[in-house]
Amino acid sequence: MPTETDADFRERRRFRRFSLALPLQFRLGSGVTGIGESINMSSGGLLFRSAATLPLGELVEVELYWPVMLDEQRPLRLRLSGMILRSSLDGTAMAISKYEFQTAPPSP
């Protein structure tokens, strides 16, 4: 009997994922905060690493430091809101329910 490969699994995903290694900050609905790094993102979700395993079903806001500047002058951040779907030391997956680009203060 044939076994599923990673490629077969990826093809069934609803949204295409893009590798993306960017620093981020997160805040849980309970008020817990932390830092991490994104692993990949799609229009429906984000996978990121942090030092902690986060609680399933928890609401989370994530702020990514976007690598492209607005008008080549103003730093941008991407703010995502959603729910944690799974979490382990290998990574935390969140469903994205809302997103917004915001201008960020210039770096010193």
N, C-alpha and C. Protein backbone atom coordinates (compact mmCIF):
# COMPACT_ATOMS: atom_id res chain seq x y z
N MET A 1 0.85 -1.18 0.00
CA MET A 1 0.00 0.00 0.00
C MET A 1 0.90 1.25 0.00
N PRO A 2 0.61 2.24 -0.86
CA PRO A 2 1.46 3.43 -0.91
C PRO A 2 1.31 4.26 0.36
N THR A 3 2.39 4.95 0.70
CA THR A 3 2.35 5.83 1.88
C THR A 3 2.32 7.27 1.40
N GLU A 4 1.77 8.12 2.25
CA GLU A 4 1.73 9.55 1.93
C GLU A 4 3.12 10.15 2.08
N THR A 5 3.49 10.97 1.14
CA THR A 5 4.75 11.69 1.25
C THR A 5 4.45 13.12 1.70
N ASP A 6 5.48 13.83 2.07
CA ASP A 6 5.29 15.23 2.45
C ASP A 6 4.69 16.03 1.30
N ALA A 7 5.09 15.72 0.06
CA ALA A 7 4.56 16.43 -1.10
C ALA A 7 3.06 16.21 -1.23
N ASP A 8 2.59 14.97 -1.00
CA ASP A 8 1.16 14.69 -1.06
C ASP A 8 0.40 15.50 -0.02
N PHE A 9 0.98 15.59 1.19
CA PHE A 9 0.34 16.34 2.27
C PHE A 9 0.25 17.82 1.92
N ARG A 10 1.33 18.39 1.39
CA ARG A 10 1.34 19.81 1.05
C ARG A 10 0.32 20.14 -0.03
N GLU A 11 0.11 19.24 -0.97
CA GLU A 11 -0.82 19.52 -2.05
C GLU A 11 -2.26 19.64 -1.57
N ARG A 12 -2.59 19.04 -0.43
CA ARG A 12 -3.95 19.10 0.09
C ARG A 12 -4.19 20.35 0.93
N ARG A 13 -3.15 21.10 1.22
CA ARG A 13 -3.35 22.32 2.00
C ARG A 13 -4.20 23.31 1.22
N ARG A 14 -4.97 24.07 1.96
CA ARG A 14 -5.88 25.03 1.35
C ARG A 14 -5.15 26.24 0.77
N PHE A 15 -4.06 26.66 1.42
CA PHE A 15 -3.31 27.83 1.00
C PHE A 15 -1.84 27.46 0.78
N ARG A 16 -1.22 28.06 -0.20
CA ARG A 16 0.20 27.82 -0.46
C ARG A 16 1.03 28.49 0.63
N ARG A 17 2.04 27.78 1.13
CA ARG A 17 2.91 28.30 2.18
C ARG A 17 4.21 28.81 1.58
N PHE A 18 4.72 29.89 2.18
CA PHE A 18 5.97 30.49 1.74
C PHE A 18 6.94 30.53 2.92
N SER A 19 8.16 30.06 2.70
CA SER A 19 9.19 30.14 3.75
C SER A 19 9.44 31.61 4.06
N LEU A 20 9.53 31.91 5.35
CA LEU A 20 9.68 33.30 5.77
C LEU A 20 10.32 33.31 7.15
N ALA A 21 11.56 33.72 7.24
CA ALA A 21 12.28 33.76 8.52
C ALA A 21 12.41 35.21 8.96
N LEU A 22 11.45 35.66 9.77
CA LEU A 22 11.44 37.05 10.25
C LEU A 22 11.26 37.06 11.77
N PRO A 23 11.92 38.00 12.45
CA PRO A 23 11.71 38.12 13.90
C PRO A 23 10.27 38.57 14.17
N LEU A 24 9.75 38.14 15.31
CA LEU A 24 8.38 38.51 15.67
C LEU A 24 8.22 38.62 17.17
N GLN A 25 7.14 39.27 17.56
CA GLN A 25 6.68 39.33 18.94
C GLN A 25 5.26 38.79 18.96
N PHE A 26 4.87 38.14 20.07
CA PHE A 26 3.48 37.68 20.17
C PHE A 26 2.92 38.03 21.53
N ARG A 27 1.59 38.10 21.55
CA ARG A 27 0.86 38.36 22.80
C ARG A 27 -0.37 37.47 22.78
N LEU A 28 -0.51 36.66 23.82
CA LEU A 28 -1.68 35.79 23.95
C LEU A 28 -2.83 36.57 24.56
N GLY A 29 -4.04 36.07 24.36
CA GLY A 29 -5.22 36.69 24.95
C GLY A 29 -5.13 36.76 26.47
N SER A 30 -4.37 35.84 27.08
CA SER A 30 -4.19 35.83 28.54
C SER A 30 -3.19 36.88 29.01
N GLY A 31 -2.51 37.57 28.06
CA GLY A 31 -1.55 38.59 28.43
C GLY A 31 -0.10 38.15 28.36
N VAL A 32 0.15 36.86 28.21
CA VAL A 32 1.52 36.35 28.09
C VAL A 32 2.13 36.87 26.80
N THR A 33 3.38 37.32 26.87
CA THR A 33 4.08 37.83 25.69
C THR A 33 5.36 37.04 25.45
N GLY A 34 5.87 37.13 24.25
CA GLY A 34 7.12 36.46 23.94
C GLY A 34 7.65 36.89 22.59
N ILE A 35 8.81 36.35 22.25
CA ILE A 35 9.44 36.64 20.97
C ILE A 35 9.69 35.31 20.25
N GLY A 36 9.94 35.41 18.95
CA GLY A 36 10.21 34.21 18.17
C GLY A 36 10.64 34.58 16.77
N GLU A 37 10.51 33.59 15.88
CA GLU A 37 10.85 33.78 14.47
C GLU A 37 9.88 32.98 13.62
N SER A 38 9.43 33.59 12.54
CA SER A 38 8.52 32.88 11.64
C SER A 38 9.28 31.79 10.89
N ILE A 39 8.54 30.74 10.52
CA ILE A 39 9.09 29.64 9.73
C ILE A 39 8.48 29.69 8.33
N ASN A 40 7.15 29.73 8.28
CA ASN A 40 6.47 29.89 7.00
C ASN A 40 5.11 30.52 7.23
N MET A 41 4.53 31.04 6.11
CA MET A 41 3.26 31.74 6.22
C MET A 41 2.47 31.52 4.94
N SER A 42 1.16 31.50 5.09
CA SER A 42 0.23 31.49 3.96
C SER A 42 -0.82 32.54 4.24
N SER A 43 -1.77 32.68 3.32
CA SER A 43 -2.83 33.65 3.58
C SER A 43 -3.76 33.17 4.68
N GLY A 44 -3.67 31.90 5.07
CA GLY A 44 -4.54 31.38 6.11
C GLY A 44 -3.87 31.08 7.44
N GLY A 45 -2.52 31.09 7.48
CA GLY A 45 -1.87 30.73 8.73
C GLY A 45 -0.40 31.08 8.78
N LEU A 46 0.15 30.97 9.99
CA LEU A 46 1.56 31.26 10.25
C LEU A 46 2.12 30.14 11.12
N LEU A 47 3.33 29.70 10.79
CA LEU A 47 4.06 28.76 11.63
C LEU A 47 5.28 29.51 12.15
N PHE A 48 5.47 29.51 13.48
CA PHE A 48 6.61 30.22 14.06
C PHE A 48 7.20 29.43 15.22
N ARG A 49 8.45 29.77 15.53
CA ARG A 49 9.15 29.17 16.67
C ARG A 49 9.24 30.18 17.80
N SER A 50 9.12 29.67 19.02
CA SER A 50 9.38 30.47 20.21
C SER A 50 9.94 29.52 21.26
N ALA A 51 10.33 30.05 22.39
CA ALA A 51 10.93 29.23 23.44
C ALA A 51 9.89 28.42 24.21
N ALA A 52 8.60 28.69 23.99
CA ALA A 52 7.55 28.05 24.78
C ALA A 52 6.58 27.28 23.90
N THR A 53 5.93 26.28 24.48
CA THR A 53 4.79 25.62 23.87
C THR A 53 3.56 26.40 24.30
N LEU A 54 2.78 26.86 23.35
CA LEU A 54 1.66 27.75 23.64
C LEU A 54 0.34 26.97 23.69
N PRO A 55 -0.63 27.42 24.49
CA PRO A 55 -1.88 26.68 24.68
C PRO A 55 -2.78 26.68 23.44
N LEU A 56 -3.27 25.50 23.09
CA LEU A 56 -4.16 25.36 21.94
C LEU A 56 -5.46 26.13 22.17
N GLY A 57 -5.98 26.71 21.10
CA GLY A 57 -7.23 27.45 21.18
C GLY A 57 -7.10 28.86 21.71
N GLU A 58 -5.91 29.23 22.15
CA GLU A 58 -5.68 30.58 22.71
C GLU A 58 -5.66 31.61 21.58
N LEU A 59 -6.27 32.76 21.83
CA LEU A 59 -6.18 33.86 20.88
C LEU A 59 -4.77 34.44 20.95
N VAL A 60 -4.23 34.84 19.81
CA VAL A 60 -2.86 35.35 19.75
C VAL A 60 -2.78 36.49 18.74
N GLU A 61 -1.97 37.49 19.08
CA GLU A 61 -1.60 38.56 18.16
C GLU A 61 -0.11 38.44 17.93
N VAL A 62 0.29 38.49 16.66
CA VAL A 62 1.70 38.38 16.29
C VAL A 62 2.07 39.62 15.49
N GLU A 63 3.23 40.17 15.77
CA GLU A 63 3.75 41.30 15.03
C GLU A 63 5.07 40.90 14.39
N LEU A 64 5.09 40.90 13.04
CA LEU A 64 6.29 40.56 12.28
C LEU A 64 6.98 41.83 11.80
N TYR A 65 8.28 41.84 11.86
CA TYR A 65 9.06 42.96 11.35
C TYR A 65 9.25 42.74 9.85
N TRP A 66 8.48 43.44 9.02
CA TRP A 66 8.43 43.20 7.59
C TRP A 66 9.73 43.68 6.92
N PRO A 67 10.26 42.90 5.94
CA PRO A 67 11.57 43.23 5.35
C PRO A 67 11.54 44.32 4.28
N VAL A 68 10.35 44.77 3.87
CA VAL A 68 10.24 45.78 2.82
C VAL A 68 9.71 47.07 3.45
N MET A 69 10.31 48.19 3.05
CA MET A 69 9.90 49.48 3.61
C MET A 69 8.84 50.13 2.73
N LEU A 70 7.97 50.90 3.35
CA LEU A 70 6.95 51.66 2.65
C LEU A 70 7.63 52.87 2.02
N ASP A 71 7.43 53.08 0.75
CA ASP A 71 8.06 54.20 0.02
C ASP A 71 9.58 54.22 0.18
N GLU A 72 10.16 53.06 0.42
CA GLU A 72 11.60 52.90 0.61
C GLU A 72 12.15 53.74 1.77
N GLN A 73 11.26 54.16 2.70
CA GLN A 73 11.68 55.02 3.81
C GLN A 73 11.14 54.58 5.16
N ARG A 74 9.93 54.07 5.18
CA ARG A 74 9.25 53.82 6.46
C ARG A 74 9.15 52.33 6.73
N PRO A 75 9.70 51.88 7.88
CA PRO A 75 9.61 50.46 8.24
C PRO A 75 8.15 50.03 8.43
N LEU A 76 7.90 48.78 8.07
CA LEU A 76 6.55 48.22 8.22
C LEU A 76 6.56 47.04 9.17
N ARG A 77 5.44 46.83 9.81
CA ARG A 77 5.19 45.64 10.61
C ARG A 77 3.88 45.05 10.14
N LEU A 78 3.82 43.73 10.15
CA LEU A 78 2.59 43.03 9.81
C LEU A 78 2.01 42.48 11.11
N ARG A 79 0.82 42.91 11.44
CA ARG A 79 0.14 42.45 12.66
C ARG A 79 -0.92 41.42 12.27
N LEU A 80 -0.81 40.24 12.88
CA LEU A 80 -1.72 39.14 12.62
C LEU A 80 -2.50 38.81 13.89
N SER A 81 -3.76 38.48 13.73
CA SER A 81 -4.58 38.01 14.85
C SER A 81 -5.16 36.67 14.46
N GLY A 82 -5.30 35.79 15.45
CA GLY A 82 -5.89 34.50 15.16
C GLY A 82 -5.87 33.59 16.37
N MET A 83 -5.91 32.28 16.10
CA MET A 83 -5.99 31.28 17.16
C MET A 83 -4.90 30.23 16.96
N ILE A 84 -4.35 29.76 18.07
CA ILE A 84 -3.32 28.73 18.02
C ILE A 84 -3.98 27.38 17.73
N LEU A 85 -3.50 26.73 16.67
CA LEU A 85 -4.04 25.44 16.25
C LEU A 85 -3.25 24.27 16.80
N ARG A 86 -1.93 24.43 16.86
CA ARG A 86 -1.06 23.40 17.43
C ARG A 86 0.23 24.06 17.87
N SER A 87 0.90 23.42 18.84
CA SER A 87 2.13 24.00 19.36
C SER A 87 3.00 22.92 19.97
N SER A 88 4.28 22.98 19.64
CA SER A 88 5.30 22.11 20.22
C SER A 88 6.60 22.90 20.20
N LEU A 89 7.66 22.32 20.70
CA LEU A 89 8.95 23.02 20.66
C LEU A 89 9.46 23.16 19.23
N ASP A 90 8.89 22.38 18.29
CA ASP A 90 9.27 22.51 16.88
C ASP A 90 8.60 23.71 16.22
N GLY A 91 7.49 24.19 16.77
CA GLY A 91 6.82 25.34 16.19
C GLY A 91 5.38 25.45 16.64
N THR A 92 4.84 26.64 16.46
CA THR A 92 3.45 26.94 16.79
C THR A 92 2.73 27.35 15.51
N ALA A 93 1.60 26.72 15.24
CA ALA A 93 0.79 27.05 14.07
C ALA A 93 -0.43 27.84 14.52
N MET A 94 -0.67 28.95 13.84
CA MET A 94 -1.85 29.76 14.13
C MET A 94 -2.66 29.96 12.86
N ALA A 95 -3.97 30.00 13.01
CA ALA A 95 -4.87 30.37 11.92
C ALA A 95 -4.96 31.89 11.93
N ILE A 96 -4.88 32.52 10.78
CA ILE A 96 -4.98 33.98 10.68
C ILE A 96 -6.43 34.36 10.42
N SER A 97 -7.00 35.17 11.32
CA SER A 97 -8.36 35.65 11.11
C SER A 97 -8.38 37.12 10.69
N LYS A 98 -7.29 37.83 11.00
CA LYS A 98 -7.21 39.26 10.67
C LYS A 98 -5.75 39.63 10.48
N TYR A 99 -5.47 40.53 9.53
CA TYR A 99 -4.10 41.02 9.35
C TYR A 99 -4.13 42.49 8.97
N GLU A 100 -3.03 43.18 9.28
CA GLU A 100 -2.95 44.61 9.00
C GLU A 100 -1.48 45.02 8.94
N PHE A 101 -1.09 45.75 7.88
CA PHE A 101 0.23 46.35 7.84
C PHE A 101 0.18 47.68 8.56
N GLN A 102 1.21 47.96 9.34
CA GLN A 102 1.31 49.23 10.08
C GLN A 102 2.71 49.79 9.89
N THR A 103 2.81 51.10 9.89
CA THR A 103 4.13 51.69 9.86
C THR A 103 4.75 51.56 11.25
N ALA A 104 6.05 51.41 11.28
CA ALA A 104 6.77 51.22 12.54
C ALA A 104 7.72 52.39 12.74
N PRO A 105 8.09 52.67 13.98
CA PRO A 105 9.08 53.73 14.21
C PRO A 105 10.40 53.34 13.57
N PRO A 106 11.18 54.29 13.07
CA PRO A 106 12.47 53.98 12.48
C PRO A 106 13.41 53.34 13.50
N SER A 107 14.26 52.45 13.02
CA SER A 107 15.26 51.84 13.90
C SER A 107 16.34 52.85 14.25
N PRO A 108 16.87 52.77 15.50
CA PRO A 108 17.93 53.73 15.87
C PRO A 108 19.21 53.47 15.13
